[in-house]
Amino acid sequence: MKVLVLNHNEVAALLPMRECVSVMAEAFAELARGNFHQPLRTIIKPAEAKGVMALMPAFRSGAEALFGLKAICVFPGNAAIGKDAHQGGVLLFHGDTGELLAVVNASAITSIRTAAVSGLATRLLANPDAGDLAIIGSGVQARPHLEAMACTRSIRRARIASLHFEKAKRFVDEIQDSYDFPIEAVPTAEQAVSGADLIVTVTIAREPVVRREWVSPGAHINAVGTYSPKAREIDGATMAAASLFVDRRESAINEAGDFILAVAEGSIPPDHIRADLAELVAGSNGGRTTREEITIFKSLGLAIEDLAAAAHVYHKAAGRNSGEWIDF
């Protein structure tokens, strides 16, 4: 049998952002229909290691049954040496025979599908005319999130803040020519967030980078960067003032520090989650109710997203004879 191997650049070519938003919408629709089985991710974190390994399995039933497994290492220190913090592969298996079909670069899959899910949430939750964008963080996820926001709303301007102002300026210099709206680096998160109606946090912060007093009425926030129960980007007051939506309830109550820490300190009740993304896509639970409502989408990243993205690029690659097909 032949196994497909796709590298980072090949995945990026096969999975354009606008297309990936549609792939993610269908994945969450399938989740709502009960076609996915997905346990919580397993995190392996040895005390002496510089990073962690996460194992994210999923199964999709239906006309084309598939197993997927993302094995990914997360090394936050990689940014300092010019490498993506996420390193690994997505394995795609035939759902009827168990045969390995593909090995796909996980850094590319993770980067694109994470931003595409934020784009989907923005499409479902942000005010239709939202277009004043703030991005907190200038690392690997900043670029695809800028693209995803531009795919789902008409952006009027964007402000970028980072822990180090010089990094924000370098990021803006690198991407400004790709967009027809002004993009500005600003020294602080407060300057970026003030007046914004679209806010994206893509940091590795452990303490909040967004404060309630900075957030305008009607803003939509995609909180993306943290994935640990002990870390958060959004303060408790903002969580309390906002309607909270998540990618998956089970994941949020077990893994989302933004939610877990706000509950622990008494800022929000345990039932503060309004809906998950599958409910929003299926229309079984409502989203934004007023223009003035603040909405938060807390993203953790799900194995179903990796499986759906990997299956999509697998079929496109087969049709184009892209990638490397090897005997296995």
C-alpha atoms as a PDB file:
ATOM      1  CA  MET A   1       0.000   0.000   0.000  1.00  0.00           C
ATOM      2  CA  LYS A   2       0.997   3.619  -0.484  1.00  0.00           C
ATOM      3  CA  VAL A   3       1.176   6.146   2.350  1.00  0.00           C
ATOM      4  CA  LEU A   4       1.024   9.868   1.632  1.00  0.00           C
ATOM      5  CA  VAL A   5       3.543  12.166   3.332  1.00  0.00           C
ATOM      6  CA  LEU A   6       2.812  15.903   3.224  1.00  0.00           C
ATOM      7  CA  ASN A   7       5.276  18.529   4.412  1.00  0.00           C
ATOM      8  CA  HIS A   8       4.510  21.990   5.798  1.00  0.00           C
ATOM      9  CA  ASN A   9       4.519  23.826   2.465  1.00  0.00           C
ATOM     10  CA  GLU A  10       2.398  21.177   0.781  1.00  0.00           C
ATOM     11  CA  VAL A  11      -0.234  21.379   3.522  1.00  0.00           C
ATOM     12  CA  ALA A  12      -0.303  25.177   3.260  1.00  0.00           C
ATOM     13  CA  ALA A  13      -0.854  24.960  -0.512  1.00  0.00           C
ATOM     14  CA  LEU A  14      -3.629  22.379  -0.167  1.00  0.00           C
ATOM     15  CA  LEU A  15      -5.471  24.090   2.708  1.00  0.00           C
ATOM     16  CA  PRO A  16      -6.130  27.776   1.964  1.00  0.00           C
ATOM     17  CA  MET A  17      -7.743  29.627   4.843  1.00  0.00           C
ATOM     18  CA  ARG A  18     -11.137  30.386   3.335  1.00  0.00           C
ATOM     19  CA  GLU A  19     -11.496  26.753   2.277  1.00  0.00           C
ATOM     20  CA  CYS A  20     -10.442  25.546   5.719  1.00  0.00           C
ATOM     21  CA  VAL A  21     -13.149  27.654   7.390  1.00  0.00           C
ATOM     22  CA  SER A  22     -15.704  25.706   5.352  1.00  0.00           C
ATOM     23  CA  VAL A  23     -14.019  22.392   6.214  1.00  0.00           C
ATOM     24  CA  MET A  24     -14.208  23.275   9.911  1.00  0.00           C
ATOM     25  CA  ALA A  25     -17.869  24.278   9.619  1.00  0.00           C
ATOM     26  CA  GLU A  26     -18.692  20.862   8.169  1.00  0.00           C
ATOM     27  CA  ALA A  27     -16.598  19.113  10.862  1.00  0.00           C
ATOM     28  CA  PHE A  28     -18.570  20.792  13.643  1.00  0.00           C
ATOM     29  CA  ALA A  29     -21.830  20.019  11.833  1.00  0.00           C
ATOM     30  CA  GLU A  30     -20.774  16.361  11.791  1.00  0.00           C
ATOM     31  CA  LEU A  31     -19.902  16.577  15.483  1.00  0.00           C
ATOM     32  CA  ALA A  32     -23.411  17.898  16.159  1.00  0.00           C
ATOM     33  CA  ARG A  33     -24.841  14.942  14.194  1.00  0.00           C
ATOM     34  CA  GLY A  34     -22.906  12.497  16.370  1.00  0.00           C
ATOM     35  CA  ASN A  35     -20.497  11.351  13.663  1.00  0.00           C
ATOM     36  CA  PHE A  36     -17.321  11.956  15.677  1.00  0.00           C
ATOM     37  CA  HIS A  37     -15.917  10.139  18.680  1.00  0.00           C
ATOM     38  CA  GLN A  38     -13.276  12.144  20.525  1.00  0.00           C
ATOM     39  CA  PRO A  39     -11.750  11.565  23.977  1.00  0.00           C
ATOM     40  CA  LEU A  40      -9.908  14.312  25.814  1.00  0.00           C
ATOM     41  CA  ARG A  41      -6.317  14.802  24.765  1.00  0.00           C
ATOM     42  CA  THR A  42      -3.559  13.110  26.748  1.00  0.00           C
ATOM     43  CA  ILE A  43      -0.721  15.371  27.906  1.00  0.00           C
ATOM     44  CA  ILE A  44       2.677  13.897  28.717  1.00  0.00           C
ATOM     45  CA  LYS A  45       4.785  16.335  30.729  1.00  0.00           C
ATOM     46  CA  PRO A  46       7.953  14.887  32.289  1.00  0.00           C
ATOM     47  CA  ALA A  47       9.401  17.160  34.966  1.00  0.00           C
ATOM     48  CA  GLU A  48      12.789  17.301  33.264  1.00  0.00           C
ATOM     49  CA  ALA A  49      11.472  17.996  29.750  1.00  0.00           C
ATOM     50  CA  LYS A  50      11.506  21.427  28.096  1.00  0.00           C
ATOM     51  CA  GLY A  51       8.093  20.850  26.553  1.00  0.00           C
ATOM     52  CA  VAL A  52       5.104  18.527  26.499  1.00  0.00           C
ATOM     53  CA  MET A  53       3.690  15.920  24.159  1.00  0.00           C
ATOM     54  CA  ALA A  54      -0.027  15.833  23.416  1.00  0.00           C
ATOM     55  CA  LEU A  55      -1.883  12.889  21.895  1.00  0.00           C
ATOM     56  CA  MET A  56      -5.173  13.792  20.206  1.00  0.00           C
ATOM     57  CA  PRO A  57      -7.181  10.882  18.756  1.00  0.00           C
ATOM     58  CA  ALA A  58     -10.546  10.956  16.997  1.00  0.00           C
ATOM     59  CA  PHE A  59     -12.798   8.722  14.908  1.00  0.00           C
ATOM     60  CA  ARG A  60     -15.219   9.817  12.184  1.00  0.00           C
ATOM     61  CA  SER A  61     -18.029   7.468  11.202  1.00  0.00           C
ATOM     62  CA  GLY A  62     -20.245   7.688   8.143  1.00  0.00           C
ATOM     63  CA  ALA A  63     -19.684   7.030   4.453  1.00  0.00           C
ATOM     64  CA  GLU A  64     -15.923   7.303   4.839  1.00  0.00           C
ATOM     65  CA  ALA A  65     -14.861   6.111   8.276  1.00  0.00           C
ATOM     66  CA  LEU A  66     -11.498   7.413   9.430  1.00  0.00           C
ATOM     67  CA  PHE A  67      -9.300   7.355  12.499  1.00  0.00           C
ATOM     68  CA  GLY A  68      -7.008  10.301  13.158  1.00  0.00           C
ATOM     69  CA  LEU A  69      -4.232  10.818  15.664  1.00  0.00           C
ATOM     70  CA  LYS A  70      -2.232  13.981  16.152  1.00  0.00           C
ATOM     71  CA  ALA A  71       0.946  13.472  18.128  1.00  0.00           C
ATOM     72  CA  ILE A  72       2.403  16.867  18.788  1.00  0.00           C
ATOM     73  CA  CYS A  73       5.135  18.308  20.972  1.00  0.00           C
ATOM     74  CA  VAL A  74       4.695  21.828  22.307  1.00  0.00           C
ATOM     75  CA  PHE A  75       7.954  23.574  23.162  1.00  0.00           C
ATOM     76  CA  PRO A  76       7.307  27.256  24.062  1.00  0.00           C
ATOM     77  CA  GLY A  77      11.038  28.017  23.991  1.00  0.00           C
ATOM     78  CA  ASN A  78      11.244  27.238  20.277  1.00  0.00           C
ATOM     79  CA  ALA A  79      10.283  30.805  19.368  1.00  0.00           C
ATOM     80  CA  ALA A  80      13.631  32.021  20.659  1.00  0.00           C
ATOM     81  CA  ILE A  81      15.450  29.785  18.165  1.00  0.00           C
ATOM     82  CA  GLY A  82      13.170  30.570  15.224  1.00  0.00           C
ATOM     83  CA  LYS A  83      11.135  27.359  15.307  1.00  0.00           C
ATOM     84  CA  ASP A  84       7.414  26.712  15.630  1.00  0.00           C
ATOM     85  CA  ALA A  85       6.428  25.765  19.172  1.00  0.00           C
ATOM     86  CA  HIS A  86       4.266  22.970  17.721  1.00  0.00           C
ATOM     87  CA  GLN A  87       6.134  20.003  16.213  1.00  0.00           C
ATOM     88  CA  GLY A  88       4.598  16.709  15.164  1.00  0.00           C
ATOM     89  CA  GLY A  89       2.436  14.799  12.750  1.00  0.00           C
ATOM     90  CA  VAL A  90      -1.175  13.942  12.049  1.00  0.00           C
ATOM     91  CA  LEU A  91      -1.720  10.265  11.203  1.00  0.00           C
ATOM     92  CA  LEU A  92      -4.754   9.338   9.118  1.00  0.00           C
ATOM     93  CA  PHE A  93      -6.041   5.729   9.139  1.00  0.00           C
ATOM     94  CA  HIS A  94      -8.669   3.873   7.135  1.00  0.00           C
ATOM     95  CA  GLY A  95     -11.681   3.460   9.406  1.00  0.00           C
ATOM     96  CA  ASP A  96     -12.607  -0.020   8.115  1.00  0.00           C
ATOM     97  CA  THR A  97      -9.188  -1.692   7.851  1.00  0.00           C
ATOM     98  CA  GLY A  98      -6.965   0.400  10.114  1.00  0.00           C
ATOM     99  CA  GLU A  99      -4.440   0.907   7.314  1.00  0.00           C
ATOM    100  CA  LEU A 100      -2.267   4.003   7.566  1.00  0.00           C
ATOM    101  CA  LEU A 101      -3.190   6.436   4.803  1.00  0.00           C
ATOM    102  CA  ALA A 102      -1.179   9.592   5.488  1.00  0.00           C
ATOM    103  CA  VAL A 103       1.381  11.352   7.651  1.00  0.00           C
ATOM    104  CA  VAL A 104       0.726  15.086   7.578  1.00  0.00           C
ATOM    105  CA  ASN A 105       2.812  17.926   9.014  1.00  0.00           C
ATOM    106  CA  ALA A 106       1.098  18.897  12.263  1.00  0.00           C
ATOM    107  CA  SER A 107       2.547  22.396  12.551  1.00  0.00           C
ATOM    108  CA  ALA A 108       0.832  23.451   9.337  1.00  0.00           C
ATOM    109  CA  ILE A 109      -2.425  21.647  10.143  1.00  0.00           C
ATOM    110  CA  THR A 110      -2.518  23.155  13.652  1.00  0.00           C
ATOM    111  CA  SER A 111      -1.745  26.685  12.507  1.00  0.00           C
ATOM    112  CA  ILE A 112      -4.303  26.796   9.714  1.00  0.00           C
ATOM    113  CA  ARG A 113      -7.189  24.883  11.317  1.00  0.00           C
ATOM    114  CA  THR A 114      -6.897  26.778  14.619  1.00  0.00           C
ATOM    115  CA  ALA A 115      -7.253  30.118  12.862  1.00  0.00           C
ATOM    116  CA  ALA A 116      -9.996  28.756  10.619  1.00  0.00           C
ATOM    117  CA  VAL A 117     -12.035  27.721  13.684  1.00  0.00           C
ATOM    118  CA  SER A 118     -11.588  31.236  15.086  1.00  0.00           C
ATOM    119  CA  GLY A 119     -12.791  32.514  11.720  1.00  0.00           C
ATOM    120  CA  LEU A 120     -15.842  30.271  11.945  1.00  0.00           C
ATOM    121  CA  ALA A 121     -16.597  31.486  15.476  1.00  0.00           C
ATOM    122  CA  THR A 122     -16.190  35.079  14.320  1.00  0.00           C
ATOM    123  CA  ARG A 123     -18.597  34.483  11.451  1.00  0.00           C
ATOM    124  CA  LEU A 124     -21.168  33.108  13.889  1.00  0.00           C
ATOM    125  CA  LEU A 125     -20.680  35.501  16.824  1.00  0.00           C
ATOM    126  CA  ALA A 126     -19.179  38.867  15.865  1.00  0.00           C
ATOM    127  CA  ASN A 127     -21.318  41.815  14.844  1.00  0.00           C
ATOM    128  CA  PRO A 128     -21.672  41.864  11.035  1.00  0.00           C
ATOM    129  CA  ASP A 129     -19.895  45.223  10.729  1.00  0.00           C
ATOM    130  CA  ALA A 130     -17.054  44.394  13.152  1.00  0.00           C
ATOM    131  CA  GLY A 131     -13.761  45.355  11.556  1.00  0.00           C
ATOM    132  CA  ASP A 132     -11.496  47.105  14.065  1.00  0.00           C
ATOM    133  CA  LEU A 133      -9.128  44.245  14.856  1.00  0.00           C
ATOM    134  CA  ALA A 134      -6.690  43.791  17.737  1.00  0.00           C
ATOM    135  CA  ILE A 135      -4.283  40.850  17.838  1.00  0.00           C
ATOM    136  CA  ILE A 136      -2.348  40.236  21.037  1.00  0.00           C
ATOM    137  CA  GLY A 137       0.690  38.134  20.201  1.00  0.00           C
ATOM    138  CA  SER A 138       2.973  38.117  17.181  1.00  0.00           C
ATOM    139  CA  GLY A 139       4.056  34.476  17.039  1.00  0.00           C
ATOM    140  CA  VAL A 140       3.123  31.612  14.732  1.00  0.00           C
ATOM    141  CA  GLN A 141      -0.642  31.966  15.240  1.00  0.00           C
ATOM    142  CA  ALA A 142      -0.765  35.716  14.595  1.00  0.00           C
ATOM    143  CA  ARG A 143      -0.342  35.459  10.820  1.00  0.00           C
ATOM    144  CA  PRO A 144      -3.062  32.855  10.116  1.00  0.00           C
ATOM    145  CA  HIS A 145      -5.442  34.589  12.514  1.00  0.00           C
ATOM    146  CA  LEU A 146      -5.020  37.871  10.687  1.00  0.00           C
ATOM    147  CA  GLU A 147      -5.864  35.995   7.484  1.00  0.00           C
ATOM    148  CA  ALA A 148      -8.846  34.236   9.078  1.00  0.00           C
ATOM    149  CA  MET A 149     -10.291  37.495  10.401  1.00  0.00           C
ATOM    150  CA  ALA A 150      -9.884  39.081   6.970  1.00  0.00           C
ATOM    151  CA  CYS A 151     -11.727  36.096   5.448  1.00  0.00           C
ATOM    152  CA  THR A 152     -14.753  36.456   7.709  1.00  0.00           C
ATOM    153  CA  ARG A 153     -15.130  40.204   8.279  1.00  0.00           C
ATOM    154  CA  SER A 154     -14.283  43.386   6.375  1.00  0.00           C
ATOM    155  CA  ILE A 155     -11.319  44.624   8.387  1.00  0.00           C
ATOM    156  CA  ARG A 156     -10.896  48.394   8.544  1.00  0.00           C
ATOM    157  CA  ARG A 157      -7.661  48.394  10.510  1.00  0.00           C
ATOM    158  CA  ALA A 158      -5.580  46.071  12.683  1.00  0.00           C
ATOM    159  CA  ARG A 159      -3.376  46.758  15.681  1.00  0.00           C
ATOM    160  CA  ILE A 160      -0.778  44.252  16.829  1.00  0.00           C
ATOM    161  CA  ALA A 161       0.671  44.097  20.336  1.00  0.00           C
ATOM    162  CA  SER A 162       3.289  41.710  21.640  1.00  0.00           C
ATOM    163  CA  LEU A 163       5.298  41.167  24.785  1.00  0.00           C
ATOM    164  CA  HIS A 164       8.215  42.734  22.908  1.00  0.00           C
ATOM    165  CA  PHE A 165       7.288  45.773  20.814  1.00  0.00           C
ATOM    166  CA  GLU A 166      10.111  45.093  18.343  1.00  0.00           C
ATOM    167  CA  LYS A 167       8.575  41.717  17.496  1.00  0.00           C
ATOM    168  CA  ALA A 168       5.229  43.342  16.809  1.00  0.00           C
ATOM    169  CA  LYS A 169       6.912  45.855  14.507  1.00  0.00           C
ATOM    170  CA  ARG A 170       8.766  43.114  12.627  1.00  0.00           C
ATOM    171  CA  PHE A 171       5.541  41.184  12.201  1.00  0.00           C
ATOM    172  CA  VAL A 172       3.773  44.235  10.764  1.00  0.00           C
ATOM    173  CA  ASP A 173       6.662  44.915   8.376  1.00  0.00           C
ATOM    174  CA  GLU A 174       6.435  41.339   7.122  1.00  0.00           C
ATOM    175  CA  ILE A 175       2.703  41.235   6.440  1.00  0.00           C
ATOM    176  CA  GLN A 176       1.509  44.783   5.698  1.00  0.00           C
ATOM    177  CA  ASP A 177       1.920  44.473   1.909  1.00  0.00           C
ATOM    178  CA  SER A 178      -0.402  41.450   1.885  1.00  0.00           C
ATOM    179  CA  TYR A 179      -3.427  43.505   3.001  1.00  0.00           C
ATOM    180  CA  ASP A 180      -5.181  46.636   1.815  1.00  0.00           C
ATOM    181  CA  PHE A 181      -6.093  47.859   5.308  1.00  0.00           C
ATOM    182  CA  PRO A 182      -3.655  49.592   7.690  1.00  0.00           C
ATOM    183  CA  ILE A 183      -1.828  47.395  10.205  1.00  0.00           C
ATOM    184  CA  GLU A 184      -0.069  49.067  13.124  1.00  0.00           C
ATOM    185  CA  ALA A 185       2.221  47.784  15.840  1.00  0.00           C
ATOM    186  CA  VAL A 186       1.400  49.278  19.245  1.00  0.00           C
ATOM    187  CA  PRO A 187       3.425  49.091  22.470  1.00  0.00           C
ATOM    188  CA  THR A 188       0.736  47.680  24.788  1.00  0.00           C
ATOM    189  CA  ALA A 189      -2.204  45.307  24.747  1.00  0.00           C
ATOM    190  CA  GLU A 190      -4.387  48.089  26.125  1.00  0.00           C
ATOM    191  CA  GLN A 191      -3.640  50.283  23.111  1.00  0.00           C
ATOM    192  CA  ALA A 192      -4.503  47.429  20.763  1.00  0.00           C
ATOM    193  CA  VAL A 193      -7.736  46.399  22.493  1.00  0.00           C
ATOM    194  CA  SER A 194      -9.181  49.865  23.238  1.00  0.00           C
ATOM    195  CA  GLY A 195     -11.884  50.598  20.677  1.00  0.00           C
ATOM    196  CA  ALA A 196     -11.519  47.230  18.917  1.00  0.00           C
ATOM    197  CA  ASP A 197     -14.618  45.198  18.072  1.00  0.00           C
ATOM    198  CA  LEU A 198     -12.642  42.090  17.088  1.00  0.00           C
ATOM    199  CA  ILE A 199      -9.979  40.856  19.517  1.00  0.00           C
ATOM    200  CA  VAL A 200      -7.694  37.845  19.113  1.00  0.00           C
ATOM    201  CA  THR A 201      -5.331  36.610  21.823  1.00  0.00           C
ATOM    202  CA  VAL A 202      -2.604  34.248  20.608  1.00  0.00           C
ATOM    203  CA  THR A 203      -0.035  34.375  23.400  1.00  0.00           C
ATOM    204  CA  ILE A 204       1.718  31.963  25.743  1.00  0.00           C
ATOM    205  CA  ALA A 205       0.799  34.150  28.712  1.00  0.00           C
ATOM    206  CA  ARG A 206      -0.078  32.597  32.054  1.00  0.00           C
ATOM    207  CA  GLU A 207      -1.732  35.773  33.384  1.00  0.00           C
ATOM    208  CA  PRO A 208      -4.440  37.843  31.658  1.00  0.00           C
ATOM    209  CA  VAL A 209      -3.445  40.044  28.737  1.00  0.00           C
ATOM    210  CA  VAL A 210      -6.993  41.450  28.295  1.00  0.00           C
ATOM    211  CA  ARG A 211      -8.711  43.512  31.002  1.00  0.00           C
ATOM    212  CA  ARG A 212     -12.396  44.311  31.238  1.00  0.00           C
ATOM    213  CA  GLU A 213     -11.921  48.073  31.299  1.00  0.00           C
ATOM    214  CA  TRP A 214     -10.294  47.937  27.849  1.00  0.00           C
ATOM    215  CA  VAL A 215     -13.056  45.974  26.090  1.00  0.00           C
ATOM    216  CA  SER A 216     -15.723  47.907  24.202  1.00  0.00           C
ATOM    217  CA  PRO A 217     -19.421  46.974  24.218  1.00  0.00           C
ATOM    218  CA  GLY A 218     -20.235  44.615  21.358  1.00  0.00           C
ATOM    219  CA  ALA A 219     -16.689  43.291  20.979  1.00  0.00           C
ATOM    220  CA  HIS A 220     -16.026  39.685  20.033  1.00  0.00           C
ATOM    221  CA  ILE A 221     -12.951  37.969  21.491  1.00  0.00           C
ATOM    222  CA  ASN A 222     -11.245  34.845  20.178  1.00  0.00           C
ATOM    223  CA  ALA A 223      -9.179  33.549  23.114  1.00  0.00           C
ATOM    224  CA  VAL A 224      -6.784  31.082  21.539  1.00  0.00           C
ATOM    225  CA  GLY A 225      -3.315  31.056  23.043  1.00  0.00           C
ATOM    226  CA  THR A 226      -3.552  29.171  26.327  1.00  0.00           C
ATOM    227  CA  TYR A 227      -4.405  25.495  26.644  1.00  0.00           C
ATOM    228  CA  SER A 228      -3.550  24.811  30.293  1.00  0.00           C
ATOM    229  CA  PRO A 229      -5.898  24.762  33.298  1.00  0.00           C
ATOM    230  CA  LYS A 230      -3.351  26.971  35.071  1.00  0.00           C
ATOM    231  CA  ALA A 231      -2.993  29.717  32.448  1.00  0.00           C
ATOM    232  CA  ARG A 232      -5.341  32.345  31.040  1.00  0.00           C
ATOM    233  CA  GLU A 233      -5.357  35.323  28.694  1.00  0.00           C
ATOM    234  CA  ILE A 234      -8.732  36.840  29.693  1.00  0.00           C
ATOM    235  CA  ASP A 235      -9.363  38.256  33.167  1.00  0.00           C
ATOM    236  CA  GLY A 236     -12.272  37.140  35.340  1.00  0.00           C
ATOM    237  CA  ALA A 237     -14.143  40.430  35.023  1.00  0.00           C
ATOM    238  CA  THR A 238     -14.218  40.156  31.219  1.00  0.00           C
ATOM    239  CA  MET A 239     -15.324  36.531  31.455  1.00  0.00           C
ATOM    240  CA  ALA A 240     -18.142  37.591  33.782  1.00  0.00           C
ATOM    241  CA  ALA A 241     -19.284  40.430  31.518  1.00  0.00           C
ATOM    242  CA  ALA A 242     -19.295  38.312  28.370  1.00  0.00           C
ATOM    243  CA  SER A 243     -21.306  35.487  26.862  1.00  0.00           C
ATOM    244  CA  LEU A 244     -18.951  32.526  26.696  1.00  0.00           C
ATOM    245  CA  PHE A 245     -18.784  30.068  23.809  1.00  0.00           C
ATOM    246  CA  VAL A 246     -16.323  27.186  23.504  1.00  0.00           C
ATOM    247  CA  ASP A 247     -15.194  24.658  20.925  1.00  0.00           C
ATOM    248  CA  ARG A 248     -16.340  21.784  23.174  1.00  0.00           C
ATOM    249  CA  ARG A 249     -17.818  21.857  26.651  1.00  0.00           C
ATOM    250  CA  GLU A 250     -15.948  18.810  27.972  1.00  0.00           C
ATOM    251  CA  SER A 251     -12.628  20.217  26.822  1.00  0.00           C
ATOM    252  CA  ALA A 252     -13.313  23.649  28.308  1.00  0.00           C
ATOM    253  CA  ILE A 253     -14.271  22.453  31.783  1.00  0.00           C
ATOM    254  CA  ASN A 254     -11.186  20.232  31.946  1.00  0.00           C
ATOM    255  CA  GLU A 255      -8.537  22.251  30.110  1.00  0.00           C
ATOM    256  CA  ALA A 256      -9.427  25.941  29.689  1.00  0.00           C
ATOM    257  CA  GLY A 257      -7.679  28.037  32.327  1.00  0.00           C
ATOM    258  CA  ASP A 258      -9.649  31.106  31.223  1.00  0.00           C
ATOM    259  CA  PHE A 259     -12.803  29.293  32.352  1.00  0.00           C
ATOM    260  CA  ILE A 260     -11.449  27.135  35.196  1.00  0.00           C
ATOM    261  CA  LEU A 261      -9.625  29.961  37.008  1.00  0.00           C
ATOM    262  CA  ALA A 262     -12.562  32.367  36.641  1.00  0.00           C
ATOM    263  CA  VAL A 263     -14.859  29.757  38.198  1.00  0.00           C
ATOM    264  CA  ALA A 264     -12.361  29.061  41.001  1.00  0.00           C
ATOM    265  CA  GLU A 265     -12.124  32.730  41.961  1.00  0.00           C
ATOM    266  CA  GLY A 266     -15.904  33.160  41.869  1.00  0.00           C
ATOM    267  CA  SER A 267     -16.032  35.476  38.855  1.00  0.00           C
ATOM    268  CA  ILE A 268     -18.365  33.188  36.910  1.00  0.00           C
ATOM    269  CA  PRO A 269     -20.598  30.219  37.779  1.00  0.00           C
ATOM    270  CA  PRO A 270     -19.788  26.691  36.552  1.00  0.00           C
ATOM    271  CA  ASP A 271     -22.682  26.902  34.060  1.00  0.00           C
ATOM    272  CA  HIS A 272     -21.397  30.113  32.441  1.00  0.00           C
ATOM    273  CA  ILE A 273     -20.788  28.472  29.048  1.00  0.00           C
ATOM    274  CA  ARG A 274     -23.622  29.535  26.721  1.00  0.00           C
ATOM    275  CA  ALA A 275     -22.973  27.041  23.900  1.00  0.00           C
ATOM    276  CA  ASP A 276     -20.299  25.109  22.089  1.00  0.00           C
ATOM    277  CA  LEU A 277     -19.410  25.511  18.436  1.00  0.00           C
ATOM    278  CA  ALA A 278     -21.256  22.380  17.288  1.00  0.00           C
ATOM    279  CA  GLU A 279     -24.455  23.756  18.834  1.00  0.00           C
ATOM    280  CA  LEU A 280     -23.935  27.093  17.107  1.00  0.00           C
ATOM    281  CA  VAL A 281     -23.288  25.499  13.721  1.00  0.00           C
ATOM    282  CA  ALA A 282     -26.319  23.238  14.084  1.00  0.00           C
ATOM    283  CA  GLY A 283     -28.504  26.125  15.238  1.00  0.00           C
ATOM    284  CA  SER A 284     -29.552  24.259  18.369  1.00  0.00           C
ATOM    285  CA  ASN A 285     -28.282  27.008  20.653  1.00  0.00           C
ATOM    286  CA  GLY A 286     -28.285  30.719  19.918  1.00  0.00           C
ATOM    287  CA  GLY A 287     -25.297  33.009  19.627  1.00  0.00           C
ATOM    288  CA  ARG A 288     -25.126  36.788  19.965  1.00  0.00           C
ATOM    289  CA  THR A 289     -28.399  38.349  21.111  1.00  0.00           C
ATOM    290  CA  THR A 290     -27.641  42.112  20.976  1.00  0.00           C
ATOM    291  CA  ARG A 291     -25.172  44.467  19.330  1.00  0.00           C
ATOM    292  CA  GLU A 292     -23.866  45.544  22.732  1.00  0.00           C
ATOM    293  CA  GLU A 293     -23.194  42.006  23.993  1.00  0.00           C
ATOM    294  CA  ILE A 294     -19.550  41.022  24.495  1.00  0.00           C
ATOM    295  CA  THR A 295     -18.873  37.515  23.180  1.00  0.00           C
ATOM    296  CA  ILE A 296     -15.902  35.276  23.882  1.00  0.00           C
ATOM    297  CA  PHE A 297     -14.959  32.174  21.946  1.00  0.00           C
ATOM    298  CA  LYS A 298     -12.519  30.048  23.946  1.00  0.00           C
ATOM    299  CA  SER A 299     -10.572  27.804  21.590  1.00  0.00           C
ATOM    300  CA  LEU A 300      -8.570  24.820  22.802  1.00  0.00           C
ATOM    301  CA  GLY A 301      -8.228  22.931  19.530  1.00  0.00           C
ATOM    302  CA  LEU A 302      -9.906  19.586  18.944  1.00  0.00           C
ATOM    303  CA  ALA A 303      -8.769  16.313  17.400  1.00  0.00           C
ATOM    304  CA  ILE A 304     -11.781  16.393  15.067  1.00  0.00           C
ATOM    305  CA  GLU A 305     -10.330  19.542  13.503  1.00  0.00           C
ATOM    306  CA  ASP A 306      -7.039  17.763  12.792  1.00  0.00           C
ATOM    307  CA  LEU A 307      -8.792  14.705  11.365  1.00  0.00           C
ATOM    308  CA  ALA A 308     -11.058  16.796   9.127  1.00  0.00           C
ATOM    309  CA  ALA A 309      -8.182  18.934   7.862  1.00  0.00           C
ATOM    310  CA  ALA A 310      -5.948  15.907   7.249  1.00  0.00           C
ATOM    311  CA  ALA A 311      -8.722  14.066   5.381  1.00  0.00           C
ATOM    312  CA  HIS A 312      -9.340  17.140   3.227  1.00  0.00           C
ATOM    313  CA  VAL A 313      -5.709  17.555   2.193  1.00  0.00           C
ATOM    314  CA  TYR A 314      -5.356  13.790   1.685  1.00  0.00           C
ATOM    315  CA  HIS A 315      -8.106  13.752  -0.914  1.00  0.00           C
ATOM    316  CA  LYS A 316      -6.880  16.928  -2.599  1.00  0.00           C
ATOM    317  CA  ALA A 317      -3.346  15.562  -2.762  1.00  0.00           C
ATOM    318  CA  ALA A 318      -4.600  12.293  -4.264  1.00  0.00           C
ATOM    319  CA  GLY A 319      -6.460  14.224  -6.939  1.00  0.00           C
ATOM    320  CA  ARG A 320      -3.418  16.299  -7.794  1.00  0.00           C
ATOM    321  CA  ASN A 321      -0.781  13.622  -7.140  1.00  0.00           C
ATOM    322  CA  SER A 322       0.801  16.010  -4.639  1.00  0.00           C
ATOM    323  CA  GLY A 323       3.144  15.072  -1.827  1.00  0.00           C
ATOM    324  CA  GLU A 324       5.239  11.954  -1.595  1.00  0.00           C
ATOM    325  CA  TRP A 325       3.568   8.545  -1.871  1.00  0.00           C
ATOM    326  CA  ILE A 326       5.724   5.838  -0.348  1.00  0.00           C
ATOM    327  CA  ASP A 327       5.453   2.072   0.020  1.00  0.00           C
ATOM    328  CA  PHE A 328       4.744   1.177   3.616  1.00  0.00           C
END
